[in-house]
N, C-alpha and C. Protein backbone atom coordinates (compact mmCIF):
# COMPACT_ATOMS: atom_id res chain seq x y z
N UNK A 1 0.67 -1.21 0.17
CA UNK A 1 0.04 0.15 -0.09
C UNK A 1 1.40 1.62 0.34
N UNK A 2 0.21 2.49 -0.75
CA UNK A 2 0.71 3.69 -0.96
C UNK A 2 0.71 4.49 0.00
N UNK A 3 1.86 5.33 1.08
CA UNK A 3 1.05 5.64 1.81
C UNK A 3 2.61 7.41 2.05
N UNK A 4 1.13 8.17 2.12
CA UNK A 4 1.21 9.36 1.69
C UNK A 4 1.70 10.32 2.96
N UNK A 5 3.08 11.13 3.19
CA UNK A 5 3.18 11.53 3.78
C UNK A 5 4.20 13.03 3.92
N UNK A 6 3.96 13.13 2.49
CA UNK A 6 4.62 14.37 2.61
C UNK A 6 3.63 15.65 1.53
N UNK A 7 3.75 16.89 1.82
CA UNK A 7 2.68 17.82 1.33
C UNK A 7 3.99 18.60 -0.24
N UNK A 8 3.29 19.10 -0.95
CA UNK A 8 4.48 19.17 -2.22
C UNK A 8 4.16 20.73 -2.81
N UNK A 9 4.58 21.22 -2.86
CA UNK A 9 4.64 23.00 -3.96
C UNK A 9 4.13 22.04 -4.95
N UNK A 10 4.83 21.84 -5.86
CA UNK A 10 4.27 20.84 -6.88
C UNK A 10 5.02 20.03 -7.17
N UNK A 11 5.01 19.79 -8.53
CA UNK A 11 5.34 18.50 -9.62
C UNK A 11 5.09 18.33 -10.77
N UNK A 12 6.62 17.83 -11.36
CA UNK A 12 6.90 17.24 -12.68
C UNK A 12 5.62 16.93 -12.74
N UNK A 13 5.81 15.70 -12.43
CA UNK A 13 4.64 14.90 -12.78
C UNK A 13 3.35 14.18 -11.61
N UNK A 14 1.72 14.13 -12.25
CA UNK A 14 0.85 13.67 -10.66
C UNK A 14 0.98 11.73 -11.43
N UNK A 15 0.73 11.27 -10.29
CA UNK A 15 0.23 9.96 -10.62
C UNK A 15 -1.13 10.08 -11.24
N UNK A 16 -1.25 10.32 -10.07
CA UNK A 16 -3.40 10.21 -9.57
C UNK A 16 -3.97 10.83 -9.74
N UNK A 17 -5.22 10.99 -8.22
CA UNK A 17 -5.69 11.90 -7.91
C UNK A 17 -6.80 10.80 -6.64
N UNK A 18 -6.85 11.79 -5.19
CA UNK A 18 -7.92 11.13 -4.75
C UNK A 18 -8.75 12.25 -4.58
N UNK A 19 -10.11 11.51 -4.64
CA UNK A 19 -11.92 12.28 -4.07
C UNK A 19 -11.34 12.35 -3.06
N UNK A 20 -11.64 12.69 -2.63
CA UNK A 20 -12.11 12.62 -0.81
C UNK A 20 -12.98 14.22 -0.47
N UNK A 21 -14.23 13.70 0.46
CA UNK A 21 -15.13 14.25 0.92
C UNK A 21 -14.19 15.38 1.97
N UNK A 22 -14.64 17.12 2.47
CA UNK A 22 -13.95 17.11 3.85
C UNK A 22 -14.26 16.71 4.66
N UNK A 23 -14.90 15.34 5.27
CA UNK A 23 -14.85 14.92 6.61
C UNK A 23 -13.20 14.25 6.72
N UNK A 24 -13.35 13.12 5.25
CA UNK A 24 -11.71 12.65 4.70
C UNK A 24 -10.70 14.10 5.34
N UNK A 25 -10.66 14.80 4.66
CA UNK A 25 -9.74 15.44 4.56
C UNK A 25 -9.15 16.99 5.64
N UNK A 26 -10.72 16.17 7.06
CA UNK A 26 -9.25 17.03 8.50
C UNK A 26 -8.94 15.94 9.15
N UNK A 27 -8.75 14.59 8.46
CA UNK A 27 -8.03 13.61 9.05
C UNK A 27 -6.47 13.22 8.55
N UNK A 28 -5.59 12.84 9.02
CA UNK A 28 -4.83 13.24 9.01
C UNK A 28 -3.72 11.79 9.20
N UNK A 29 -4.81 11.05 9.22
CA UNK A 29 -3.93 9.43 9.20
C UNK A 29 -5.58 8.37 8.99
N UNK A 30 -5.14 8.36 7.60
CA UNK A 30 -7.04 7.47 6.65
C UNK A 30 -6.43 7.00 6.50
N UNK A 31 -6.99 5.93 6.02
CA UNK A 31 -6.94 4.61 4.83
C UNK A 31 -7.73 5.12 3.20
N UNK A 32 -7.49 5.23 2.19
CA UNK A 32 -8.50 6.04 1.12
C UNK A 32 -7.74 4.87 -0.18
N UNK A 33 -8.44 5.55 -1.46
CA UNK A 33 -8.91 5.12 -2.00
C UNK A 33 -8.75 5.76 -3.89
N UNK A 34 -7.69 5.51 -3.50
CA UNK A 34 -7.15 6.39 -5.21
C UNK A 34 -8.06 6.58 -5.71
N UNK A 35 -9.06 7.64 -7.07
CA UNK A 35 -9.11 7.46 -7.93
C UNK A 35 -8.86 6.68 -9.27
N UNK A 36 -7.96 5.82 -8.78
CA UNK A 36 -7.75 4.95 -10.10
C UNK A 36 -7.16 3.25 -9.50
N UNK A 37 -8.28 3.13 -8.30
CA UNK A 37 -8.33 1.84 -7.32
C UNK A 37 -7.14 0.90 -6.43
N UNK A 38 -6.68 1.55 -6.89
CA UNK A 38 -5.46 1.70 -5.57
C UNK A 38 -5.99 2.00 -4.20
N UNK A 39 -5.44 1.54 -2.78
CA UNK A 39 -5.19 1.54 -1.82
C UNK A 39 -4.13 2.45 -1.07
N UNK A 40 -4.42 2.89 -0.56
CA UNK A 40 -3.63 4.62 -0.54
C UNK A 40 -3.64 4.32 1.63
N UNK A 41 -2.95 5.19 2.02
CA UNK A 41 -2.63 5.70 3.48
C UNK A 41 -2.82 7.25 3.82
N UNK A 42 -2.91 8.03 4.46
CA UNK A 42 -2.17 9.17 4.73
C UNK A 42 -2.24 9.52 5.90
N UNK A 43 -0.78 10.06 6.37
CA UNK A 43 -0.10 9.83 7.40
C UNK A 43 0.74 11.35 6.95
N UNK A 44 -0.33 12.23 7.10
CA UNK A 44 0.23 13.85 7.68
C UNK A 44 0.56 14.06 8.72
N UNK A 45 1.35 15.66 8.65
CA UNK A 45 0.98 16.23 10.06
C UNK A 45 -0.10 16.38 10.77
N UNK A 46 0.17 16.57 11.61
CA UNK A 46 -1.97 16.40 12.64
C UNK A 46 -1.85 18.25 12.83
N UNK A 47 -3.64 18.41 12.32
CA UNK A 47 -4.30 20.21 12.35
C UNK A 47 -3.95 20.67 11.14
N UNK A 48 -3.77 20.00 9.74
CA UNK A 48 -4.12 20.51 8.62
C UNK A 48 -4.27 20.47 7.64
N UNK A 49 -5.55 20.50 7.16
CA UNK A 49 -6.64 19.92 5.86
C UNK A 49 -6.15 20.53 4.78
N UNK A 50 -6.47 18.81 4.70
CA UNK A 50 -6.11 19.00 2.67
C UNK A 50 -7.31 19.83 1.35
N UNK A 51 -6.91 21.21 0.77
CA UNK A 51 -7.38 21.66 0.48
C UNK A 51 -7.55 20.86 -0.84
N UNK A 52 -8.46 20.84 -2.05
CA UNK A 52 -8.63 20.49 -3.21
C UNK A 52 -7.51 20.68 -4.02
N UNK A 53 -7.09 20.52 -5.30
CA UNK A 53 -5.17 20.79 -5.34
C UNK A 53 -4.23 20.99 -4.60
N UNK A 54 -4.49 20.13 -4.09
CA UNK A 54 -2.90 20.24 -2.90
C UNK A 54 -1.81 19.10 -3.72
N UNK A 55 -0.88 19.11 -3.30
CA UNK A 55 -0.16 17.80 -4.60
C UNK A 55 -0.25 16.71 -2.56
N UNK A 56 0.29 15.44 -2.98
CA UNK A 56 1.01 15.10 -1.79
C UNK A 56 2.00 13.76 -2.66
N UNK A 57 2.72 13.10 -1.75
CA UNK A 57 4.03 12.09 -2.06
C UNK A 57 3.47 11.89 -1.22
N UNK A 58 4.69 10.13 -1.54
CA UNK A 58 5.40 8.89 -0.86
C UNK A 58 6.96 9.62 -0.33
N UNK A 59 7.24 9.77 1.33
CA UNK A 59 8.95 8.98 0.61
C UNK A 59 9.03 9.86 0.31
N UNK A 60 9.70 8.71 -0.68
CA UNK A 60 10.65 8.38 -1.86
C UNK A 60 10.75 9.42 -3.36
N UNK A 61 9.02 10.21 -3.28
CA UNK A 61 8.66 10.88 -4.29
C UNK A 61 8.42 10.18 -5.28
N UNK A 62 8.57 8.89 -5.30
CA UNK A 62 7.98 7.80 -6.41
C UNK A 62 6.80 8.06 -6.48
N UNK A 63 6.02 8.06 -6.10
CA UNK A 63 3.94 8.44 -6.54
C UNK A 63 3.83 9.68 -5.93
N UNK A 64 2.97 10.60 -7.27
CA UNK A 64 2.04 12.39 -6.59
C UNK A 64 1.33 11.64 -6.68
N UNK A 65 0.35 12.42 -5.59
CA UNK A 65 -1.42 12.20 -5.68
C UNK A 65 -2.06 14.04 -5.90
N UNK A 66 -2.59 13.97 -6.20
CA UNK A 66 -3.26 15.01 -6.16
C UNK A 66 -5.11 15.05 -5.91
N UNK A 67 -5.01 15.90 -5.23
CA UNK A 67 -6.33 16.09 -3.97
C UNK A 67 -7.97 16.17 -4.48
N UNK A 68 -8.81 15.85 -4.70
CA UNK A 68 -9.44 16.22 -5.41
C UNK A 68 -10.93 16.46 -4.06
N UNK A 69 -11.43 18.11 -3.71
CA UNK A 69 -12.93 17.50 -3.24
C UNK A 69 -13.84 17.61 -3.83
N UNK A 70 -14.65 16.69 -2.93
CA UNK A 70 -14.96 16.00 -3.30
C UNK A 70 -16.30 16.93 -3.93
N UNK A 71 -17.89 16.45 -4.36
CA UNK A 71 -18.76 17.08 -3.79
C UNK A 71 -19.34 16.54 -3.48
N UNK A 72 -20.46 16.96 -2.08
CA UNK A 72 -21.03 16.43 -1.82
C UNK A 72 -21.82 17.87 -1.13
N UNK A 73 -23.13 17.12 -0.30
CA UNK A 73 -24.44 17.76 0.12
C UNK A 73 -23.97 19.21 1.09
N UNK A 74 -24.11 19.87 0.45
CA UNK A 74 -23.82 21.27 0.66
C UNK A 74 -25.12 22.79 0.45
N UNK A 75 -25.45 23.12 1.74
CA UNK A 75 -26.56 24.27 1.45
C UNK A 75 -25.71 25.78 1.18
N UNK A 76 -25.78 26.53 -0.84
CA UNK A 76 -25.58 27.28 -0.64
C UNK A 76 -26.17 28.55 -0.99
N UNK A 77 -25.45 29.64 0.11
CA UNK A 77 -25.88 30.90 0.23
C UNK A 77 -26.33 32.04 -1.02
N UNK A 78 -26.18 32.46 -1.55
CA UNK A 78 -26.18 33.42 -2.50
C UNK A 78 -26.54 34.92 -1.85
N UNK A 79 -26.40 36.10 -2.13
CA UNK A 79 -26.64 37.47 -2.53
C UNK A 79 -25.83 38.52 -2.79
N UNK A 80 -26.40 39.45 -3.00
CA UNK A 80 -25.76 40.62 -3.78
C UNK A 80 -26.01 41.13 -2.50
N UNK A 81 -25.60 41.84 -1.45
CA UNK A 81 -25.79 42.86 -0.55
C UNK A 81 -25.38 41.92 0.99
N UNK A 82 -23.65 41.85 0.59
CA UNK A 82 -22.72 42.09 1.60
C UNK A 82 -23.25 42.15 3.37
N UNK A 83 -24.38 42.98 3.15
CA UNK A 83 -24.41 43.07 4.86
C UNK A 83 -25.51 42.13 5.02
N UNK A 84 -26.77 41.05 4.49
CA UNK A 84 -27.49 39.34 4.75
C UNK A 84 -26.31 38.61 4.46
N UNK A 85 -25.69 38.47 4.02
CA UNK A 85 -24.73 37.88 4.08
C UNK A 85 -23.96 38.01 5.58
N UNK A 86 -22.79 38.86 5.73
CA UNK A 86 -21.77 38.61 7.05
C UNK A 86 -23.56 38.73 7.97
N UNK A 87 -24.84 39.15 8.26
CA UNK A 87 -25.69 38.63 9.07
C UNK A 87 -25.82 36.87 9.54
N UNK A 88 -25.47 36.30 8.28
CA UNK A 88 -25.61 34.96 7.73
C UNK A 88 -24.58 34.43 8.72
N UNK A 89 -23.45 35.36 8.03
CA UNK A 89 -22.36 34.19 8.31
C UNK A 89 -21.90 34.19 10.48
N UNK A 90 -22.52 35.64 10.65
CA UNK A 90 -22.03 35.60 11.97
C UNK A 90 -22.86 34.77 13.26
N UNK A 91 -24.74 34.24 12.43
CA UNK A 91 -25.37 33.45 12.85
C UNK A 91 -24.52 32.34 12.48
N UNK A 92 -24.13 31.77 11.57
CA UNK A 92 -23.40 30.45 11.40
C UNK A 92 -22.52 30.14 11.92
N UNK A 93 -21.89 30.70 12.45
CA UNK A 93 -19.73 31.40 12.92
C UNK A 93 -20.73 30.78 14.57
N UNK A 94 -21.21 31.67 14.94
CA UNK A 94 -21.90 31.64 16.98
C UNK A 94 -22.46 29.43 16.49
N UNK A 95 -22.93 29.01 16.00
CA UNK A 95 -23.25 27.61 15.57
C UNK A 95 -22.09 26.76 15.76
N UNK A 96 -20.63 27.62 15.63
CA UNK A 96 -19.12 26.66 14.71
C UNK A 96 -19.74 25.89 13.69
N UNK A 97 -20.44 26.83 12.68
CA UNK A 97 -20.60 25.68 11.49
C UNK A 97 -19.12 25.83 10.58
N UNK A 98 -18.75 25.04 10.72
CA UNK A 98 -17.60 25.12 9.63
C UNK A 98 -18.06 25.92 8.55
N UNK A 99 -17.67 26.90 7.20
CA UNK A 99 -18.05 28.01 6.30
C UNK A 99 -17.44 28.22 5.80
N UNK A 100 -17.54 27.93 4.74
CA UNK A 100 -17.08 28.79 2.84
C UNK A 100 -17.30 30.15 2.63
N UNK A 101 -16.84 30.70 2.66
CA UNK A 101 -17.42 32.37 2.26
C UNK A 101 -16.35 33.26 1.05
N UNK A 102 -17.24 33.02 0.41
CA UNK A 102 -16.74 33.46 -0.77
C UNK A 102 -17.41 34.74 -1.48
N UNK A 103 -16.76 35.51 -2.41
CA UNK A 103 -17.88 36.78 -2.48
C UNK A 103 -19.16 36.42 -3.60
N UNK A 104 -19.63 37.54 -2.80
CA UNK A 104 -21.34 37.18 -2.73
C UNK A 104 -21.73 35.56 -2.77
N UNK A 105 -21.63 34.65 -2.23
CA UNK A 105 -22.17 33.74 -1.54
C UNK A 105 -21.50 32.77 -0.42
N UNK A 106 -22.16 32.34 -0.03
CA UNK A 106 -21.42 31.18 1.55
C UNK A 106 -21.91 29.86 1.00
N UNK A 107 -21.60 28.58 1.96
CA UNK A 107 -21.74 27.51 2.57
C UNK A 107 -21.24 26.69 3.45
N UNK A 108 -22.32 25.66 3.17
CA UNK A 108 -22.38 24.99 4.76
C UNK A 108 -22.77 23.34 4.15
N UNK A 109 -22.03 22.28 5.06
CA UNK A 109 -23.05 21.22 5.26
C UNK A 109 -23.92 21.35 5.16
N UNK A 110 -24.68 20.54 4.47
CA UNK A 110 -25.99 20.47 4.41
C UNK A 110 -27.12 20.30 6.18
N UNK A 111 -27.37 20.94 6.59
CA UNK A 111 -28.44 20.34 7.37
C UNK A 111 -30.00 22.21 7.12
N UNK A 112 -30.96 21.02 7.21
CA UNK A 112 -32.50 21.56 7.20
C UNK A 112 -32.76 22.55 8.04
N UNK A 113 -32.03 22.36 9.18
CA UNK A 113 -32.11 23.18 10.66
C UNK A 113 -31.76 24.99 10.37
N UNK A 114 -30.28 24.48 9.97
CA UNK A 114 -29.49 25.70 10.00
C UNK A 114 -29.56 26.60 8.55
N UNK A 115 -30.79 25.71 7.35
CA UNK A 115 -31.56 26.11 6.12
C UNK A 115 -32.43 26.78 6.45
N UNK A 116 -32.90 26.90 7.38
CA UNK A 116 -34.85 27.13 8.03
C UNK A 116 -33.87 28.87 9.34
N UNK A 117 -32.87 28.18 9.69
CA UNK A 117 -32.75 29.87 10.00
C UNK A 117 -32.06 30.40 9.18
N UNK A 118 -31.72 30.85 7.96
CA UNK A 118 -30.93 31.08 6.38
C UNK A 118 -32.09 32.26 6.37
N UNK A 119 -33.02 31.33 6.35
CA UNK A 119 -34.54 31.28 5.56
C UNK A 119 -34.63 32.98 6.44
N UNK A 120 -34.36 32.16 7.67
CA UNK A 120 -35.42 33.12 8.73
C UNK A 120 -35.15 34.70 8.26
N UNK A 121 -33.81 34.93 8.03
CA UNK A 121 -32.68 35.93 7.80
C UNK A 121 -33.44 36.86 7.16
N UNK A 122 -34.26 36.05 5.44
CA UNK A 122 -34.49 36.79 4.36
C UNK A 122 -33.37 35.95 3.33
N UNK A 123 -33.00 35.56 3.46
CA UNK A 123 -31.47 34.82 2.75
C UNK A 123 -32.38 33.32 1.72
N UNK A 124 -32.05 33.48 0.83
CA UNK A 124 -32.53 31.80 0.03
C UNK A 124 -31.32 30.87 0.50
N UNK A 125 -31.71 29.62 0.12
CA UNK A 125 -30.80 28.31 0.68
C UNK A 125 -31.00 27.87 -0.62
N UNK A 126 -30.23 27.23 -1.08
CA UNK A 126 -29.84 26.05 -2.21
C UNK A 126 -29.26 24.49 -2.03
N UNK A 127 -29.98 23.82 -1.59
CA UNK A 127 -29.17 22.49 -1.19
C UNK A 127 -28.56 21.81 -2.88
N UNK A 128 -27.27 21.45 -2.77
CA UNK A 128 -26.93 21.41 -4.05
C UNK A 128 -25.78 20.17 -4.09
N UNK A 129 -24.73 19.35 -4.49
CA UNK A 129 -23.41 18.81 -4.18
C UNK A 129 -22.67 19.58 -5.17
N UNK A 130 -22.19 20.05 -4.14
CA UNK A 130 -20.54 21.28 -4.52
C UNK A 130 -19.44 20.50 -3.42
N UNK A 131 -18.15 21.22 -4.39
CA UNK A 131 -17.29 20.55 -3.46
C UNK A 131 -17.34 22.00 -2.47
N UNK A 132 -16.39 21.41 -1.22
CA UNK A 132 -17.05 22.18 0.07
C UNK A 132 -15.22 22.91 0.86
N UNK A 133 -15.02 24.11 0.73
CA UNK A 133 -13.94 24.27 1.34
C UNK A 133 -13.75 25.02 2.48
N UNK A 134 -13.97 25.07 3.11
CA UNK A 134 -14.62 25.88 4.17
C UNK A 134 -13.47 26.66 5.06
N UNK A 135 -13.33 28.43 5.25
CA UNK A 135 -12.33 29.11 6.25
C UNK A 135 -11.44 27.98 7.21
N UNK A 136 -10.57 27.79 7.40
CA UNK A 136 -9.73 27.35 8.58
C UNK A 136 -9.92 28.46 9.46
N UNK A 137 -10.09 28.83 9.63
CA UNK A 137 -10.15 30.15 10.91
C UNK A 137 -9.30 31.39 11.41
N UNK A 138 -9.84 32.71 11.61
CA UNK A 138 -8.88 32.95 11.96
C UNK A 138 -7.56 33.03 12.76
N UNK A 139 -7.32 32.03 13.31
CA UNK A 139 -5.78 32.40 14.20
C UNK A 139 -5.42 30.65 13.69
N UNK A 140 -5.46 30.13 12.73
CA UNK A 140 -5.46 28.68 12.36
C UNK A 140 -4.74 28.89 11.27
N UNK A 141 -4.04 28.20 10.23
CA UNK A 141 -4.16 27.67 9.18
C UNK A 141 -4.45 26.05 8.69
N UNK A 142 -5.16 25.58 9.51
CA UNK A 142 -5.90 24.63 9.27
C UNK A 142 -6.87 23.57 10.80
N UNK A 143 -8.30 23.00 10.17
CA UNK A 143 -8.35 22.99 11.90
C UNK A 143 -7.70 21.99 12.79
N UNK A 144 -8.70 22.83 13.67
CA UNK A 144 -7.97 22.61 15.37
C UNK A 144 -9.59 21.33 15.85
N UNK A 145 -9.10 20.35 17.02
CA UNK A 145 -10.06 19.46 17.75
C UNK A 145 -10.83 21.13 18.85
N UNK A 146 -11.70 20.67 18.64
CA UNK A 146 -12.59 21.42 19.52
C UNK A 146 -13.83 20.49 20.46
N UNK A 147 -13.10 20.77 21.94
CA UNK A 147 -13.93 19.12 22.60
C UNK A 147 -15.45 18.89 22.28
N UNK A 148 -15.87 19.25 21.22
CA UNK A 148 -16.89 18.53 21.11
C UNK A 148 -17.33 18.05 19.42
N UNK A 149 -16.11 18.23 18.57
CA UNK A 149 -16.70 18.18 17.39
C UNK A 149 -14.84 18.38 16.50
N UNK A 150 -15.50 18.18 15.74
CA UNK A 150 -13.54 17.48 15.51
C UNK A 150 -13.99 18.37 13.57
N UNK A 151 -14.25 19.59 13.63
CA UNK A 151 -15.33 20.60 12.27
C UNK A 151 -14.24 21.51 13.17
N UNK A 152 -13.43 22.30 11.74
CA UNK A 152 -13.38 23.72 11.48
C UNK A 152 -14.33 25.09 12.47
N UNK A 153 -13.74 26.38 12.46
CA UNK A 153 -14.84 27.19 13.29
C UNK A 153 -14.09 28.44 12.35
N UNK A 154 -15.40 29.23 11.90
CA UNK A 154 -14.78 30.40 11.42
C UNK A 154 -15.36 31.20 12.84
N UNK A 155 -14.80 32.18 13.38
CA UNK A 155 -15.58 32.86 14.37
C UNK A 155 -15.32 34.46 13.70
N UNK A 156 -16.68 35.56 14.01
CA UNK A 156 -17.39 36.29 13.41
C UNK A 156 -16.74 36.87 14.84
N UNK A 157 -16.54 38.42 15.11
CA UNK A 157 -15.46 39.32 15.64
C UNK A 157 -17.29 39.44 16.19
N UNK A 158 -17.13 39.82 17.84
CA UNK A 158 -18.40 40.45 17.72
C UNK A 158 -17.77 41.71 19.01
N UNK A 159 -17.73 42.54 18.87
CA UNK A 159 -17.81 43.43 19.91
C UNK A 159 -19.17 44.31 20.84
């Protein structure tokens, strides 16, 4: 079995890809199936979120894999009003919801209760299949473990 232990900034050649959900990309030690069907393991530095497009190699550099963020069920909120998006981000952040924030939209792992809360703020929610790349948080470059979950946290400043 191939074991990927190193992150690369670039590679001349990529051997294959591995498509992973967020729940798998937050783990540092996990067995995966490469997109070409081979079994592999990830043994990476703890506390580092894998992003779509990242390159990993085995210890010798003989195998290089590109990480693909899998499409998963997410709720996407699109809005041209930055104040409404900020308000939704604030309320979702208060619930420690992993949140992807982009220009004109925000996205979180689908949850019908959260969808209703966001709709109650006057926003439209679309449930769809899409890659999920949440924020890592203001004081970290990767997820950290919290007493009651293993999720990423988006913290909104409160004054």
